Structure formats: C-alpha cells, structure tokens
C-alpha cells in the first residue's frame, strides 16, 4: 500500500483529497515519503480532517482531536529518524 492510501486510512482522511494536496505541493504521489505526506496533512489539517469552524470564537473544532495529537507525535518521531510505534491516549 502506498503512503497516501496508508496515511488516509490511519488518519481517517479522504485519499483522493490527500492525493490532490500532495500533487498541489509539487510532489509526485507515488514517490512522496511518509514524512512528506504527513507534513502536508499537518499544514492542511483543517481541510483534510473532519472538523467545523466555530464562527463565534473563530476556532476550529475537530471531530477527533486525538488524530491531531497522533499526527504531531508521528511527525516528531519521523523527523528525529525514529520509528513511530503509536501513542496511547
């Protein structure tokens, strides 16, 4: 399974939307590393994760905030060259 499909499954993201964002970033979807794709997810989280904008406070409310936490931990591990073994929340 390629990185886009696996990440889409891991983070409950629409794979077609993720692929479009990867292409728009200038990367080739089949050649993008897991770290590169996760960085795109991080940058575009409000568009890719299921969420809604609260008009009164101007904040974004995510359906599952644990996915954001998992994303941050995995990005940190991959940037440090470590294998990500998951996070218990």
C-alpha atoms as a PDB file:
ATOM      1  CA  UNK A   1       0.000   0.000   0.000  1.00  0.00           C
ATOM      2  CA  UNK A   2       1.426   3.399  -0.894  1.00  0.00           C
ATOM      3  CA  UNK A   3       1.955   6.170   1.652  1.00  0.00           C
ATOM      4  CA  UNK A   4      -1.089   8.204   0.650  1.00  0.00           C
ATOM      5  CA  UNK A   5      -3.536   5.312   0.982  1.00  0.00           C
ATOM      6  CA  UNK A   6      -1.990   4.143   4.249  1.00  0.00           C
ATOM      7  CA  UNK A   7      -1.990   7.626   5.805  1.00  0.00           C
ATOM      8  CA  UNK A   8      -5.551   8.235   4.602  1.00  0.00           C
ATOM      9  CA  UNK A   9      -6.569   5.033   6.354  1.00  0.00           C
ATOM     10  CA  UNK A  10      -4.535   5.766   9.509  1.00  0.00           C
ATOM     11  CA  UNK A  11      -5.924   9.293   9.894  1.00  0.00           C
ATOM     12  CA  UNK A  12      -9.463   8.863   8.503  1.00  0.00           C
ATOM     13  CA  UNK A  13      -8.829  11.196   5.550  1.00  0.00           C
ATOM     14  CA  UNK A  14     -10.321  11.077   2.074  1.00  0.00           C
ATOM     15  CA  UNK A  15      -7.490   9.543  -0.036  1.00  0.00           C
ATOM     16  CA  UNK A  16      -8.445  11.463  -3.190  1.00  0.00           C
ATOM     17  CA  UNK A  17      -8.318  14.783  -1.350  1.00  0.00           C
ATOM     18  CA  UNK A  18      -4.950  13.894   0.185  1.00  0.00           C
ATOM     19  CA  UNK A  19      -3.566  12.899  -3.214  1.00  0.00           C
ATOM     20  CA  UNK A  20      -4.721  16.237  -4.656  1.00  0.00           C
ATOM     21  CA  UNK A  21      -2.943  18.162  -1.875  1.00  0.00           C
ATOM     22  CA  UNK A  22       0.233  16.121  -2.427  1.00  0.00           C
ATOM     23  CA  UNK A  23       0.140  16.928  -6.157  1.00  0.00           C
ATOM     24  CA  UNK A  24      -0.527  20.628  -5.458  1.00  0.00           C
ATOM     25  CA  UNK A  25       2.538  20.724  -3.211  1.00  0.00           C
ATOM     26  CA  UNK A  26       4.693  19.719  -6.182  1.00  0.00           C
ATOM     27  CA  UNK A  27       5.413  16.145  -5.092  1.00  0.00           C
ATOM     28  CA  UNK A  28       4.736  13.006  -7.073  1.00  0.00           C
ATOM     29  CA  UNK A  29       2.198  10.954  -5.088  1.00  0.00           C
ATOM     30  CA  UNK A  30       3.903   7.583  -5.632  1.00  0.00           C
ATOM     31  CA  UNK A  31       7.347   8.941  -4.707  1.00  0.00           C
ATOM     32  CA  UNK A  32       6.408  11.030  -1.652  1.00  0.00           C
ATOM     33  CA  UNK A  33       7.776   9.709   1.632  1.00  0.00           C
ATOM     34  CA  UNK A  34       5.561   9.163   4.661  1.00  0.00           C
ATOM     35  CA  UNK A  35       7.155  12.190   6.340  1.00  0.00           C
ATOM     36  CA  UNK A  36       6.447  14.420   3.334  1.00  0.00           C
ATOM     37  CA  UNK A  37       2.813  13.325   3.154  1.00  0.00           C
ATOM     38  CA  UNK A  38       2.340  13.778   6.902  1.00  0.00           C
ATOM     39  CA  UNK A  39       3.755  17.292   6.685  1.00  0.00           C
ATOM     40  CA  UNK A  40       1.161  18.055   4.004  1.00  0.00           C
ATOM     41  CA  UNK A  41      -1.549  16.659   6.291  1.00  0.00           C
ATOM     42  CA  UNK A  42      -0.266  18.852   9.134  1.00  0.00           C
ATOM     43  CA  UNK A  43      -0.283  22.003   7.009  1.00  0.00           C
ATOM     44  CA  UNK A  44      -3.755  21.271   5.610  1.00  0.00           C
ATOM     45  CA  UNK A  45      -5.355  19.678   8.680  1.00  0.00           C
ATOM     46  CA  UNK A  46      -8.467  21.916   8.729  1.00  0.00           C
ATOM     47  CA  UNK A  47      -9.222  20.930   5.133  1.00  0.00           C
ATOM     48  CA  UNK A  48      -8.406  17.219   5.476  1.00  0.00           C
ATOM     49  CA  UNK A  49      -9.625  16.267   8.961  1.00  0.00           C
ATOM     50  CA  UNK A  50     -13.310  16.220   9.764  1.00  0.00           C
ATOM     51  CA  UNK A  51     -13.936  19.484  11.581  1.00  0.00           C
ATOM     52  CA  UNK A  52     -16.094  22.587  11.739  1.00  0.00           C
ATOM     53  CA  UNK A  53     -15.326  26.233  12.250  1.00  0.00           C
ATOM     54  CA  UNK A  54     -16.936  27.939  15.220  1.00  0.00           C
ATOM     55  CA  UNK A  55     -17.975  31.336  13.893  1.00  0.00           C
ATOM     56  CA  UNK A  56     -18.291  32.942  17.332  1.00  0.00           C
ATOM     57  CA  UNK A  57     -14.784  32.121  18.546  1.00  0.00           C
ATOM     58  CA  UNK A  58     -13.078  31.747  15.171  1.00  0.00           C
ATOM     59  CA  UNK A  59     -11.665  28.382  16.279  1.00  0.00           C
ATOM     60  CA  UNK A  60     -11.706  25.029  14.506  1.00  0.00           C
ATOM     61  CA  UNK A  61     -13.333  22.129  16.339  1.00  0.00           C
ATOM     62  CA  UNK A  62     -12.070  18.715  15.218  1.00  0.00           C
ATOM     63  CA  UNK A  63     -14.253  15.625  15.281  1.00  0.00           C
ATOM     64  CA  UNK A  64     -11.383  13.579  16.761  1.00  0.00           C
ATOM     65  CA  UNK A  65      -8.636  15.686  18.341  1.00  0.00           C
ATOM     66  CA  UNK A  66      -6.673  12.502  19.069  1.00  0.00           C
ATOM     67  CA  UNK A  67      -5.796  12.276  15.369  1.00  0.00           C
ATOM     68  CA  UNK A  68      -4.096  15.679  15.606  1.00  0.00           C
ATOM     69  CA  UNK A  69      -2.124  14.548  18.644  1.00  0.00           C
ATOM     70  CA  UNK A  70      -1.117  11.307  16.915  1.00  0.00           C
ATOM     71  CA  UNK A  71      -0.028  13.299  13.854  1.00  0.00           C
ATOM     72  CA  UNK A  72       2.211  15.565  15.947  1.00  0.00           C
ATOM     73  CA  UNK A  73       3.862  12.626  17.716  1.00  0.00           C
ATOM     74  CA  UNK A  74       4.424  10.738  14.475  1.00  0.00           C
ATOM     75  CA  UNK A  75       5.910  13.812  12.750  1.00  0.00           C
ATOM     76  CA  UNK A  76       8.276  14.341  15.682  1.00  0.00           C
ATOM     77  CA  UNK A  77       9.406  10.698  15.629  1.00  0.00           C
ATOM     78  CA  UNK A  78       9.985  10.643  11.862  1.00  0.00           C
ATOM     79  CA  UNK A  79      11.881  13.946  11.924  1.00  0.00           C
ATOM     80  CA  UNK A  80      14.163  12.500  14.601  1.00  0.00           C
ATOM     81  CA  UNK A  81      14.698   9.379  12.486  1.00  0.00           C
ATOM     82  CA  UNK A  82      12.862   7.112  14.905  1.00  0.00           C
ATOM     83  CA  UNK A  83      10.209   4.541  14.173  1.00  0.00           C
ATOM     84  CA  UNK A  84       6.755   5.588  15.316  1.00  0.00           C
ATOM     85  CA  UNK A  85       5.152   2.936  17.472  1.00  0.00           C
ATOM     86  CA  UNK A  86       1.896   4.739  18.146  1.00  0.00           C
ATOM     87  CA  UNK A  87       0.679   6.755  21.079  1.00  0.00           C
ATOM     88  CA  UNK A  88      -1.688   5.739  23.845  1.00  0.00           C
ATOM     89  CA  UNK A  89      -4.304   8.370  24.517  1.00  0.00           C
END
